[in-house]
Structure formats: C-alpha cells, structure tokens
Amino acid sequence: MTARTSHILLVFSAFLAGLVLFLGVVLFVTRYEGTGGGPSAIGGPFKLIDQNGKPITDQDFKGRPLLVFFGYTHCPDICPTTLFEMSEVLRALGKDADRVNALFITVDPERDTAAAMKDYLSSFDPHLRGATGSQAEIDTAEKAYRVYAKKVPTKDGDYSMDHTALVYLMDKQGRFVAPFRLDRKPEEAAADLRRYL
C-alpha cells in the first residue's frame, strides 16, 4: 500500500467517523419514542431568572420561535463562538429579530449569577436573553431539553463544564423542531428561521 493510498484511507475513515458521530447526535435529538411515531419530548416547563433578575418561564417564550443554547460564561471557545453566530443570525434578520426569542441558559449556576450573565451578554446581540437559577432549577431545564452537563475539575483547582452544545429551534407553540444549524451564512440561517415566524 502506497503512502498516498494510506493517506486517502485515513482521510476517508476520519470523514466516516465524523459522519457517524453527526448522525448519532441528530438521531439522539430527533429520535422517536414509543409506537405512536411522535417526536421525542424535547423542551418543557422551566422556571428561571433572566439576566436582570426577572423570573421567567417557558410560557414567556410562546408565540414566537425560540432558539435555545445551553452553555456557561467561563467557556473558552464553543459558547462565545455559538453566541456570536446566533447574534449574527439575529442581525441578519433585521427588524424580524423582534419576532424571535433567543435564550442562553447556563449550565454553571454556581458562577453564572444574573449579574454575571448580564455582563457576559453585553458583548452579544441585545435580543439574546440569559437565564440562570438554582442548581435544581437548572437541572430541570437540562432534563427537559435532554442536555448533558458535567463539572470537570482542572489542575489549578478550578473547573470547566462539559456540556451539550446544540442550538435548539422551538416553534411558536414551544415544540421542538430541530437542531438549528449555524454552520452557514447568517443570511441563510435567518431565511430558514423566518419560515417559523
């Protein structure tokens, strides 16, 4: 086997492994339960507080499509990148951004107080709302959205959070539609989102 053939096989194997992982995530999020053929229950009741300390529930977001992302303010890369991309989609929506809800729910309520969330979100589109609460309240929201989150101690005695990094698209009635793709031009994502207005 030549070095070129080995390289091609290695690249193809890496591609297949990535494809299997991607399909596994999609199937996990959109899998069907029971024999009724209905979509799995993603989303549901939660009671949290926003970045201004105001109580919010899932009912506050009904009537408009909702983008939901779980993360934390000490996240070094995925969270700020995702929130920036969400901000770009909201910007691309123009005036229609007022007809969409976008929510960033922390998986680290120990550090992410309402004040910390408010300060963090000041770097992103003003349509993005933050949500925090007690650990029990966050656990309820994570369970409703089938979010995995785990504290990972670091060498310096601090910790990071390992967590699900999907953006959930919910329709006007609060029903899960699909993972919302941000790996495209903001204008394309905005056009897709407009279909649910």
N, C-alpha and C. Protein backbone atom coordinates (compact mmCIF):
# COMPACT_ATOMS: atom_id res chain seq x y z
N MET A 1 0.86 -1.19 0.00
CA MET A 1 0.00 0.00 0.00
C MET A 1 0.89 1.25 0.00
N THR A 2 0.67 2.15 -0.91
CA THR A 2 1.49 3.34 -1.01
C THR A 2 1.10 4.35 0.08
N ALA A 3 1.99 5.30 0.30
CA ALA A 3 1.72 6.34 1.30
C ALA A 3 0.49 7.16 0.90
N ARG A 4 0.32 7.39 -0.41
CA ARG A 4 -0.85 8.15 -0.88
C ARG A 4 -2.14 7.40 -0.60
N THR A 5 -2.14 6.10 -0.86
CA THR A 5 -3.33 5.28 -0.60
C THR A 5 -3.65 5.27 0.90
N SER A 6 -2.62 5.14 1.72
CA SER A 6 -2.82 5.16 3.18
C SER A 6 -3.42 6.49 3.63
N HIS A 7 -2.93 7.58 3.04
CA HIS A 7 -3.44 8.91 3.40
C HIS A 7 -4.91 9.04 3.01
N ILE A 8 -5.25 8.57 1.80
CA ILE A 8 -6.64 8.66 1.33
C ILE A 8 -7.55 7.84 2.24
N LEU A 9 -7.11 6.63 2.61
CA LEU A 9 -7.91 5.77 3.51
C LEU A 9 -8.08 6.42 4.88
N LEU A 10 -7.02 7.06 5.37
CA LEU A 10 -7.09 7.73 6.67
C LEU A 10 -8.08 8.89 6.63
N VAL A 11 -8.03 9.70 5.58
CA VAL A 11 -8.95 10.83 5.43
C VAL A 11 -10.39 10.32 5.30
N PHE A 12 -10.58 9.28 4.50
CA PHE A 12 -11.93 8.72 4.31
C PHE A 12 -12.46 8.14 5.63
N SER A 13 -11.61 7.48 6.39
CA SER A 13 -12.02 6.92 7.68
C SER A 13 -12.41 8.02 8.66
N ALA A 14 -11.63 9.10 8.67
CA ALA A 14 -11.94 10.23 9.55
C ALA A 14 -13.28 10.85 9.15
N PHE A 15 -13.52 10.98 7.84
CA PHE A 15 -14.79 11.52 7.36
C PHE A 15 -15.96 10.64 7.80
N LEU A 16 -15.81 9.32 7.63
CA LEU A 16 -16.88 8.39 8.02
C LEU A 16 -17.15 8.46 9.53
N ALA A 17 -16.07 8.54 10.31
CA ALA A 17 -16.25 8.63 11.77
C ALA A 17 -17.00 9.90 12.14
N GLY A 18 -16.67 11.02 11.50
CA GLY A 18 -17.37 12.28 11.74
C GLY A 18 -18.82 12.21 11.33
N LEU A 19 -19.08 11.56 10.20
CA LEU A 19 -20.46 11.41 9.71
C LEU A 19 -21.28 10.56 10.68
N VAL A 20 -20.71 9.47 11.16
CA VAL A 20 -21.41 8.60 12.12
C VAL A 20 -21.71 9.37 13.40
N LEU A 21 -20.75 10.16 13.89
CA LEU A 21 -20.96 10.94 15.09
C LEU A 21 -22.07 11.97 14.88
N PHE A 22 -22.04 12.66 13.74
CA PHE A 22 -23.06 13.67 13.44
C PHE A 22 -24.45 13.03 13.39
N LEU A 23 -24.56 11.91 12.66
CA LEU A 23 -25.86 11.23 12.55
C LEU A 23 -26.33 10.72 13.90
N GLY A 24 -25.38 10.28 14.73
CA GLY A 24 -25.75 9.82 16.08
C GLY A 24 -26.36 10.94 16.90
N VAL A 25 -25.78 12.15 16.81
CA VAL A 25 -26.32 13.30 17.55
C VAL A 25 -27.71 13.66 17.02
N VAL A 26 -27.85 13.68 15.69
CA VAL A 26 -29.16 14.02 15.11
C VAL A 26 -30.21 13.00 15.52
N LEU A 27 -29.86 11.72 15.48
CA LEU A 27 -30.82 10.69 15.89
C LEU A 27 -31.16 10.80 17.36
N PHE A 28 -30.17 11.14 18.19
CA PHE A 28 -30.43 11.29 19.62
C PHE A 28 -31.43 12.42 19.87
N VAL A 29 -31.22 13.53 19.18
CA VAL A 29 -32.07 14.70 19.41
C VAL A 29 -33.46 14.53 18.80
N THR A 30 -33.52 13.84 17.66
CA THR A 30 -34.81 13.76 16.96
C THR A 30 -35.43 12.36 17.00
N ARG A 31 -34.92 11.49 17.85
CA ARG A 31 -35.41 10.11 17.83
C ARG A 31 -36.88 10.02 18.21
N TYR A 32 -37.49 8.95 17.78
CA TYR A 32 -38.90 8.72 18.05
C TYR A 32 -39.05 7.81 19.25
N GLU A 33 -40.10 8.05 20.03
CA GLU A 33 -40.37 7.25 21.21
C GLU A 33 -41.66 6.48 21.03
N GLY A 34 -41.73 5.30 21.67
CA GLY A 34 -42.97 4.54 21.69
C GLY A 34 -43.36 4.09 20.30
N THR A 35 -44.61 3.68 20.18
CA THR A 35 -45.10 3.19 18.89
C THR A 35 -45.97 4.20 18.19
N GLY A 36 -46.19 5.34 18.84
CA GLY A 36 -47.06 6.33 18.25
C GLY A 36 -46.43 7.10 17.12
N GLY A 37 -45.09 7.02 16.99
CA GLY A 37 -44.42 7.71 15.90
C GLY A 37 -44.26 9.19 16.12
N GLY A 38 -44.60 9.70 17.30
CA GLY A 38 -44.45 11.12 17.58
C GLY A 38 -43.02 11.45 17.94
N PRO A 39 -42.60 12.70 17.75
CA PRO A 39 -41.23 13.06 18.07
C PRO A 39 -41.00 13.02 19.57
N SER A 40 -39.76 12.79 19.95
CA SER A 40 -39.41 12.73 21.36
C SER A 40 -39.66 14.08 22.01
N ALA A 41 -39.94 14.04 23.27
CA ALA A 41 -40.26 15.27 24.00
C ALA A 41 -38.99 16.01 24.37
N ILE A 42 -38.72 17.09 23.66
CA ILE A 42 -37.59 17.97 23.96
C ILE A 42 -38.17 19.33 24.25
N GLY A 43 -37.76 19.90 25.35
CA GLY A 43 -38.34 21.14 25.81
C GLY A 43 -39.40 20.84 26.86
N GLY A 44 -39.84 21.86 27.53
CA GLY A 44 -40.86 21.66 28.56
C GLY A 44 -40.78 22.75 29.60
N PRO A 45 -41.52 22.57 30.68
CA PRO A 45 -41.61 23.61 31.71
C PRO A 45 -40.27 23.89 32.39
N PHE A 46 -40.01 25.18 32.61
CA PHE A 46 -38.88 25.59 33.45
C PHE A 46 -39.22 26.92 34.11
N LYS A 47 -38.61 27.14 35.26
CA LYS A 47 -38.74 28.41 35.98
C LYS A 47 -37.34 28.86 36.34
N LEU A 48 -36.92 29.99 35.74
CA LEU A 48 -35.57 30.51 35.95
C LEU A 48 -35.65 32.01 36.17
N ILE A 49 -34.50 32.68 36.21
CA ILE A 49 -34.48 34.14 36.24
C ILE A 49 -33.59 34.61 35.09
N ASP A 50 -33.93 35.76 34.51
CA ASP A 50 -33.12 36.27 33.41
C ASP A 50 -31.96 37.10 33.93
N GLN A 51 -31.21 37.71 33.01
CA GLN A 51 -30.01 38.45 33.40
C GLN A 51 -30.32 39.72 34.18
N ASN A 52 -31.60 40.11 34.21
CA ASN A 52 -32.00 41.28 35.00
C ASN A 52 -32.62 40.88 36.33
N GLY A 53 -32.60 39.57 36.64
CA GLY A 53 -33.15 39.09 37.89
C GLY A 53 -34.66 38.88 37.83
N LYS A 54 -35.24 39.00 36.64
CA LYS A 54 -36.69 38.85 36.47
C LYS A 54 -37.04 37.37 36.30
N PRO A 55 -38.06 36.87 37.03
CA PRO A 55 -38.48 35.47 36.85
C PRO A 55 -39.00 35.24 35.43
N ILE A 56 -38.61 34.11 34.84
CA ILE A 56 -39.09 33.74 33.51
C ILE A 56 -39.47 32.26 33.52
N THR A 57 -40.41 31.90 32.66
CA THR A 57 -40.79 30.50 32.49
C THR A 57 -40.85 30.20 31.00
N ASP A 58 -41.02 28.95 30.68
CA ASP A 58 -41.15 28.54 29.27
C ASP A 58 -42.35 29.22 28.61
N GLN A 59 -43.37 29.55 29.40
CA GLN A 59 -44.58 30.19 28.85
C GLN A 59 -44.29 31.58 28.28
N ASP A 60 -43.27 32.25 28.82
CA ASP A 60 -42.92 33.60 28.36
C ASP A 60 -42.42 33.62 26.92
N PHE A 61 -42.05 32.46 26.40
CA PHE A 61 -41.44 32.40 25.07
C PHE A 61 -42.40 31.85 24.01
N LYS A 62 -43.62 31.54 24.41
CA LYS A 62 -44.60 31.04 23.46
C LYS A 62 -45.07 32.19 22.55
N GLY A 63 -45.47 31.84 21.33
CA GLY A 63 -45.96 32.85 20.40
C GLY A 63 -44.90 33.33 19.41
N ARG A 64 -43.64 32.95 19.68
CA ARG A 64 -42.54 33.28 18.76
C ARG A 64 -41.61 32.08 18.68
N PRO A 65 -40.95 31.89 17.55
CA PRO A 65 -39.94 30.82 17.52
C PRO A 65 -38.84 31.15 18.53
N LEU A 66 -38.24 30.10 19.07
CA LEU A 66 -37.24 30.26 20.12
C LEU A 66 -35.98 29.46 19.78
N LEU A 67 -34.84 30.13 19.87
CA LEU A 67 -33.54 29.46 19.79
C LEU A 67 -33.02 29.33 21.21
N VAL A 68 -32.66 28.11 21.62
CA VAL A 68 -32.17 27.87 22.98
C VAL A 68 -30.78 27.26 22.90
N PHE A 69 -29.85 27.82 23.69
CA PHE A 69 -28.50 27.28 23.77
C PHE A 69 -28.10 27.19 25.23
N PHE A 70 -27.55 26.05 25.62
CA PHE A 70 -27.05 25.85 26.99
C PHE A 70 -25.53 25.98 26.98
N GLY A 71 -25.00 26.77 27.89
CA GLY A 71 -23.55 26.95 27.99
C GLY A 71 -23.20 27.62 29.29
N TYR A 72 -22.04 28.29 29.33
CA TYR A 72 -21.64 28.98 30.56
C TYR A 72 -20.64 30.09 30.23
N THR A 73 -20.58 31.08 31.10
CA THR A 73 -19.81 32.29 30.79
C THR A 73 -18.30 32.08 30.85
N HIS A 74 -17.82 31.05 31.56
CA HIS A 74 -16.39 30.79 31.63
C HIS A 74 -15.92 29.88 30.50
N CYS A 75 -16.80 29.54 29.59
CA CYS A 75 -16.48 28.66 28.46
C CYS A 75 -15.44 29.35 27.57
N PRO A 76 -14.35 28.65 27.23
CA PRO A 76 -13.27 29.30 26.48
C PRO A 76 -13.52 29.45 24.99
N ASP A 77 -14.37 28.63 24.39
CA ASP A 77 -14.45 28.68 22.93
C ASP A 77 -15.84 28.43 22.36
N ILE A 78 -16.44 27.28 22.61
CA ILE A 78 -17.70 26.92 21.96
C ILE A 78 -18.82 27.91 22.28
N CYS A 79 -18.96 28.26 23.54
CA CYS A 79 -20.08 29.14 23.93
C CYS A 79 -19.98 30.54 23.31
N PRO A 80 -18.84 31.23 23.46
CA PRO A 80 -18.79 32.56 22.84
C PRO A 80 -18.92 32.51 21.31
N THR A 81 -18.37 31.46 20.69
CA THR A 81 -18.49 31.33 19.24
C THR A 81 -19.95 31.13 18.85
N THR A 82 -20.66 30.25 19.57
CA THR A 82 -22.07 29.98 19.26
C THR A 82 -22.92 31.22 19.47
N LEU A 83 -22.69 31.93 20.57
CA LEU A 83 -23.47 33.14 20.85
C LEU A 83 -23.17 34.23 19.82
N PHE A 84 -21.93 34.31 19.36
CA PHE A 84 -21.59 35.27 18.30
C PHE A 84 -22.34 34.90 17.01
N GLU A 85 -22.35 33.61 16.67
CA GLU A 85 -23.05 33.17 15.46
C GLU A 85 -24.55 33.40 15.57
N MET A 86 -25.12 33.16 16.75
CA MET A 86 -26.54 33.45 16.96
C MET A 86 -26.79 34.94 16.79
N SER A 87 -25.88 35.76 17.32
CA SER A 87 -26.00 37.22 17.19
C SER A 87 -25.98 37.65 15.72
N GLU A 88 -25.14 37.00 14.92
CA GLU A 88 -25.05 37.31 13.50
C GLU A 88 -26.35 36.97 12.78
N VAL A 89 -26.98 35.86 13.17
CA VAL A 89 -28.27 35.48 12.57
C VAL A 89 -29.33 36.51 12.96
N LEU A 90 -29.35 36.92 14.23
CA LEU A 90 -30.31 37.92 14.68
C LEU A 90 -30.09 39.24 13.94
N ARG A 91 -28.84 39.60 13.73
CA ARG A 91 -28.53 40.83 12.97
C ARG A 91 -29.05 40.71 11.54
N ALA A 92 -28.84 39.51 10.94
CA ALA A 92 -29.27 39.30 9.56
C ALA A 92 -30.80 39.32 9.43
N LEU A 93 -31.50 39.06 10.52
CA LEU A 93 -32.97 39.11 10.49
C LEU A 93 -33.50 40.53 10.40
N GLY A 94 -32.68 41.51 10.77
CA GLY A 94 -33.13 42.90 10.75
C GLY A 94 -34.28 43.10 11.73
N LYS A 95 -35.34 43.77 11.27
CA LYS A 95 -36.50 44.04 12.14
C LYS A 95 -37.21 42.76 12.59
N ASP A 96 -37.06 41.69 11.81
CA ASP A 96 -37.70 40.42 12.17
C ASP A 96 -37.09 39.81 13.44
N ALA A 97 -35.93 40.30 13.86
CA ALA A 97 -35.32 39.78 15.10
C ALA A 97 -36.23 40.05 16.30
N ASP A 98 -37.08 41.08 16.20
CA ASP A 98 -38.02 41.37 17.28
C ASP A 98 -39.12 40.31 17.38
N ARG A 99 -39.23 39.47 16.36
CA ARG A 99 -40.28 38.44 16.33
C ARG A 99 -39.74 37.06 16.69
N VAL A 100 -38.49 37.02 17.19
CA VAL A 100 -37.82 35.77 17.55
C VAL A 100 -37.33 35.87 18.99
N ASN A 101 -37.38 34.76 19.71
CA ASN A 101 -36.78 34.69 21.04
C ASN A 101 -35.47 33.92 20.95
N ALA A 102 -34.47 34.36 21.70
CA ALA A 102 -33.19 33.67 21.76
C ALA A 102 -32.76 33.62 23.22
N LEU A 103 -32.47 32.43 23.71
CA LEU A 103 -32.22 32.23 25.14
C LEU A 103 -30.94 31.44 25.37
N PHE A 104 -30.08 31.96 26.24
CA PHE A 104 -28.84 31.33 26.66
C PHE A 104 -29.02 30.88 28.11
N ILE A 105 -29.13 29.58 28.34
CA ILE A 105 -29.33 29.04 29.68
C ILE A 105 -28.01 28.49 30.20
N THR A 106 -27.61 28.93 31.39
CA THR A 106 -26.34 28.48 31.93
C THR A 106 -26.41 27.03 32.41
N VAL A 107 -25.28 26.34 32.30
CA VAL A 107 -25.14 25.01 32.92
C VAL A 107 -24.25 25.13 34.15
N ASP A 108 -23.92 26.37 34.52
CA ASP A 108 -23.00 26.63 35.63
C ASP A 108 -23.58 27.71 36.55
N PRO A 109 -24.72 27.42 37.20
CA PRO A 109 -25.36 28.45 38.02
C PRO A 109 -24.53 28.87 39.24
N GLU A 110 -23.57 28.04 39.62
CA GLU A 110 -22.70 28.38 40.75
C GLU A 110 -21.94 29.68 40.49
N ARG A 111 -21.45 29.86 39.27
CA ARG A 111 -20.71 31.08 38.93
C ARG A 111 -21.55 32.07 38.13
N ASP A 112 -22.52 31.55 37.37
CA ASP A 112 -23.29 32.42 36.48
C ASP A 112 -24.52 32.99 37.16
N THR A 113 -24.29 34.01 37.95
CA THR A 113 -25.38 34.75 38.57
C THR A 113 -26.06 35.60 37.50
N ALA A 114 -27.18 36.20 37.85
CA ALA A 114 -27.86 37.09 36.90
C ALA A 114 -26.91 38.22 36.48
N ALA A 115 -26.18 38.79 37.43
CA ALA A 115 -25.26 39.89 37.12
C ALA A 115 -24.14 39.43 36.19
N ALA A 116 -23.62 38.23 36.43
CA ALA A 116 -22.55 37.70 35.57
C ALA A 116 -23.08 37.46 34.16
N MET A 117 -24.32 36.95 34.06
CA MET A 117 -24.92 36.73 32.74
C MET A 117 -25.14 38.05 32.01
N LYS A 118 -25.60 39.06 32.74
CA LYS A 118 -25.85 40.37 32.13
C LYS A 118 -24.57 40.96 31.57
N ASP A 119 -23.50 40.88 32.35
CA ASP A 119 -22.21 41.41 31.91
C ASP A 119 -21.72 40.65 30.67
N TYR A 120 -21.83 39.34 30.71
CA TYR A 120 -21.36 38.50 29.60
C TYR A 120 -22.14 38.77 28.32
N LEU A 121 -23.45 38.86 28.43
CA LEU A 121 -24.30 39.04 27.25
C LEU A 121 -24.20 40.43 26.64
N SER A 122 -23.60 41.37 27.36
CA SER A 122 -23.44 42.73 26.81
C SER A 122 -22.55 42.73 25.57
N SER A 123 -21.81 41.64 25.35
CA SER A 123 -20.94 41.53 24.18
C SER A 123 -21.66 40.98 22.95
N PHE A 124 -22.94 40.60 23.12
CA PHE A 124 -23.66 39.96 22.04
C PHE A 124 -24.92 40.74 21.68
N ASP A 125 -25.68 40.23 20.71
CA ASP A 125 -26.89 40.90 20.28
C ASP A 125 -27.85 41.11 21.45
N PRO A 126 -28.46 42.29 21.55
CA PRO A 126 -29.35 42.59 22.68
C PRO A 126 -30.62 41.74 22.72
N HIS A 127 -30.94 41.04 21.63
CA HIS A 127 -32.12 40.16 21.64
C HIS A 127 -31.86 38.89 22.45
N LEU A 128 -30.58 38.56 22.68
CA LEU A 128 -30.25 37.36 23.44
C LEU A 128 -30.53 37.58 24.92
N ARG A 129 -31.33 36.69 25.51
CA ARG A 129 -31.60 36.74 26.94
C ARG A 129 -30.83 35.62 27.62
N GLY A 130 -30.42 35.89 28.84
CA GLY A 130 -29.73 34.88 29.63
C GLY A 130 -30.66 34.33 30.69
N ALA A 131 -30.39 33.12 31.15
CA ALA A 131 -31.21 32.51 32.20
C ALA A 131 -30.33 31.73 33.15
N THR A 132 -30.61 31.92 34.43
CA THR A 132 -29.91 31.17 35.47
C THR A 132 -30.93 30.83 36.55
N GLY A 133 -30.47 30.26 37.63
CA GLY A 133 -31.37 29.87 38.72
C GLY A 133 -30.62 28.99 39.69
N SER A 134 -31.34 28.30 40.54
CA SER A 134 -30.72 27.36 41.46
C SER A 134 -30.26 26.14 40.68
N GLN A 135 -29.41 25.33 41.30
CA GLN A 135 -28.95 24.12 40.61
C GLN A 135 -30.13 23.22 40.28
N ALA A 136 -31.09 23.11 41.18
CA ALA A 136 -32.27 22.27 40.93
C ALA A 136 -33.08 22.80 39.75
N GLU A 137 -33.22 24.12 39.65
CA GLU A 137 -33.97 24.71 38.53
C GLU A 137 -33.26 24.49 37.20
N ILE A 138 -31.92 24.63 37.22
CA ILE A 138 -31.13 24.38 36.01
C ILE A 138 -31.21 22.90 35.63
N ASP A 139 -31.15 22.03 36.64
CA ASP A 139 -31.26 20.59 36.37
C ASP A 139 -32.58 20.27 35.67
N THR A 140 -33.66 20.93 36.09
CA THR A 140 -34.98 20.71 35.48
C THR A 140 -34.97 21.13 34.01
N ALA A 141 -34.37 22.29 33.73
CA ALA A 141 -34.29 22.77 32.34
C ALA A 141 -33.42 21.84 31.49
N GLU A 142 -32.30 21.40 32.05
CA GLU A 142 -31.42 20.48 31.32
C GLU A 142 -32.14 19.17 31.01
N LYS A 143 -32.87 18.67 31.97
CA LYS A 143 -33.61 17.41 31.76
C LYS A 143 -34.67 17.59 30.68
N ALA A 144 -35.37 18.73 30.70
CA ALA A 144 -36.41 18.99 29.70
C ALA A 144 -35.84 18.99 28.28
N TYR A 145 -34.62 19.53 28.13
CA TYR A 145 -34.01 19.64 26.81
C TYR A 145 -33.00 18.52 26.53
N ARG A 146 -32.95 17.55 27.44
CA ARG A 146 -32.03 16.42 27.29
C ARG A 146 -30.59 16.89 27.14
N VAL A 147 -30.21 17.83 27.96
CA VAL A 147 -28.86 18.39 27.91
C VAL A 147 -27.95 17.64 28.89
N TYR A 148 -26.78 17.29 28.41
CA TYR A 148 -25.75 16.69 29.26
C TYR A 148 -24.86 17.82 29.76
N ALA A 149 -24.61 17.86 31.07
CA ALA A 149 -23.68 18.86 31.63
C ALA A 149 -22.99 18.25 32.85
N LYS A 150 -21.68 18.39 32.90
CA LYS A 150 -20.91 17.81 34.00
C LYS A 150 -19.73 18.71 34.33
N LYS A 151 -19.51 18.91 35.63
CA LYS A 151 -18.38 19.70 36.10
C LYS A 151 -17.10 18.88 35.93
N VAL A 152 -16.07 19.52 35.36
CA VAL A 152 -14.79 18.85 35.14
C VAL A 152 -13.69 19.63 35.87
N PRO A 153 -13.16 19.08 36.98
CA PRO A 153 -12.10 19.79 37.72
C PRO A 153 -10.86 20.00 36.85
N THR A 154 -10.21 21.15 37.05
CA THR A 154 -8.97 21.44 36.32
C THR A 154 -7.80 21.40 37.29
N LYS A 155 -6.58 21.39 36.74
CA LYS A 155 -5.37 21.23 37.57
C LYS A 155 -5.18 22.34 38.58
N ASP A 156 -5.67 23.55 38.25
CA ASP A 156 -5.46 24.69 39.14
C ASP A 156 -6.50 24.78 40.26
N GLY A 157 -7.32 23.74 40.40
CA GLY A 157 -8.34 23.73 41.45
C GLY A 157 -9.66 24.34 41.02
N ASP A 158 -9.69 24.89 39.80
CA ASP A 158 -10.93 25.46 39.27
C ASP A 158 -11.70 24.34 38.56
N TYR A 159 -12.63 24.68 37.70
CA TYR A 159 -13.34 23.66 36.93
C TYR A 159 -13.87 24.25 35.64
N SER A 160 -14.11 23.37 34.69
CA SER A 160 -14.81 23.74 33.46
C SER A 160 -16.08 22.90 33.41
N MET A 161 -16.88 23.10 32.38
CA MET A 161 -18.11 22.34 32.23
C MET A 161 -18.12 21.63 30.87
N ASP A 162 -18.34 20.34 30.92
CA ASP A 162 -18.55 19.57 29.69
C ASP A 162 -20.05 19.57 29.46
N HIS A 163 -20.50 19.94 28.26
CA HIS A 163 -21.94 20.07 28.06
C HIS A 163 -22.35 19.91 26.61
N THR A 164 -23.62 19.59 26.41
CA THR A 164 -24.21 19.53 25.08
C THR A 164 -24.14 20.91 24.45
N ALA A 165 -23.75 20.97 23.19
CA ALA A 165 -23.56 22.27 22.53
C ALA A 165 -24.44 22.41 21.30
N LEU A 166 -25.71 22.06 21.43
CA LEU A 166 -26.66 22.23 20.33
C LEU A 166 -27.46 23.51 20.51
N VAL A 167 -27.87 24.10 19.40
CA VAL A 167 -28.86 25.18 19.45
C VAL A 167 -30.19 24.54 19.07
N TYR A 168 -31.15 24.62 19.97
CA TYR A 168 -32.47 24.03 19.76
C TYR A 168 -33.40 25.06 19.13
N LEU A 169 -34.09 24.65 18.06
CA LEU A 169 -35.12 25.51 17.47
C LEU A 169 -36.48 25.00 17.94
N MET A 170 -37.22 25.86 18.64
CA MET A 170 -38.56 25.54 19.11
C MET A 170 -39.54 26.41 18.31
N ASP A 171 -40.73 25.85 17.99
CA ASP A 171 -41.70 26.63 17.24
C ASP A 171 -42.51 27.55 18.17
N LYS A 172 -43.48 28.24 17.61
CA LYS A 172 -44.27 29.23 18.38
C LYS A 172 -45.03 28.60 19.55
N GLN A 173 -45.32 27.30 19.43
CA GLN A 173 -46.05 26.62 20.50
C GLN A 173 -45.11 25.97 21.52
N GLY A 174 -43.81 26.18 21.33
CA GLY A 174 -42.84 25.61 22.26
C GLY A 174 -42.47 24.18 21.96
N ARG A 175 -42.78 23.71 20.74
CA ARG A 175 -42.45 22.34 20.35
C ARG A 175 -41.10 22.32 19.64
N PHE A 176 -40.33 21.29 19.92
CA PHE A 176 -39.02 21.13 19.29
C PHE A 176 -39.18 20.91 17.79
N VAL A 177 -38.41 21.66 16.99
CA VAL A 177 -38.42 21.50 15.53
C VAL A 177 -37.21 20.68 15.10
N ALA A 178 -36.00 21.17 15.44
CA ALA A 178 -34.76 20.52 15.01
C ALA A 178 -33.58 21.26 15.62
N PRO A 179 -32.39 20.65 15.61
CA PRO A 179 -31.19 21.42 15.95
C PRO A 179 -31.04 22.52 14.90
N PHE A 180 -30.73 23.74 15.34
CA PHE A 180 -30.61 24.86 14.40
C PHE A 180 -29.16 24.99 13.96
N ARG A 181 -28.95 24.89 12.65
CA ARG A 181 -27.60 24.91 12.10
C ARG A 181 -27.05 26.33 12.00
N LEU A 182 -25.86 26.52 12.55
CA LEU A 182 -25.18 27.81 12.45
C LEU A 182 -23.98 27.74 11.50
N ASP A 183 -23.73 26.55 10.94
CA ASP A 183 -22.57 26.37 10.05
C ASP A 183 -22.91 26.75 8.62
N ARG A 184 -23.44 27.96 8.45
CA ARG A 184 -23.81 28.50 7.14
C ARG A 184 -23.82 30.01 7.25
N LYS A 185 -24.01 30.69 6.15
CA LYS A 185 -24.03 32.15 6.18
C LYS A 185 -25.19 32.63 7.06
N PRO A 186 -24.99 33.70 7.83
CA PRO A 186 -26.07 34.21 8.69
C PRO A 186 -27.35 34.50 7.91
N GLU A 187 -27.21 34.97 6.69
CA GLU A 187 -28.40 35.28 5.88
C GLU A 187 -29.20 34.01 5.54
N GLU A 188 -28.49 32.91 5.30
CA GLU A 188 -29.16 31.64 5.02
C GLU A 188 -29.89 31.14 6.26
N ALA A 189 -29.22 31.21 7.41
CA ALA A 189 -29.84 30.78 8.67
C ALA A 189 -31.05 31.66 9.00
N ALA A 190 -30.92 32.96 8.73
CA ALA A 190 -32.03 33.88 9.00
C ALA A 190 -33.22 33.56 8.11
N ALA A 191 -32.95 33.25 6.84
CA ALA A 191 -34.03 32.89 5.92
C ALA A 191 -34.75 31.63 6.38
N ASP A 192 -33.99 30.68 6.89
CA ASP A 192 -34.57 29.44 7.42
C ASP A 192 -35.46 29.75 8.64
N LEU A 193 -34.95 30.59 9.53
CA LEU A 193 -35.69 30.96 10.74
C LEU A 193 -36.98 31.72 10.43
N ARG A 194 -36.95 32.50 9.39
CA ARG A 194 -38.16 33.27 9.00
C ARG A 194 -39.35 32.36 8.67
N ARG A 195 -39.08 31.14 8.29
CA ARG A 195 -40.16 30.20 7.96
C ARG A 195 -41.03 29.90 9.17
N TYR A 196 -40.50 30.14 10.37
CA TYR A 196 -41.24 29.80 11.59
C TYR A 196 -41.87 31.02 12.25
N LEU A 197 -41.77 32.20 11.61
CA LEU A 197 -42.34 33.41 12.20
C LEU A 197 -43.87 33.39 12.10
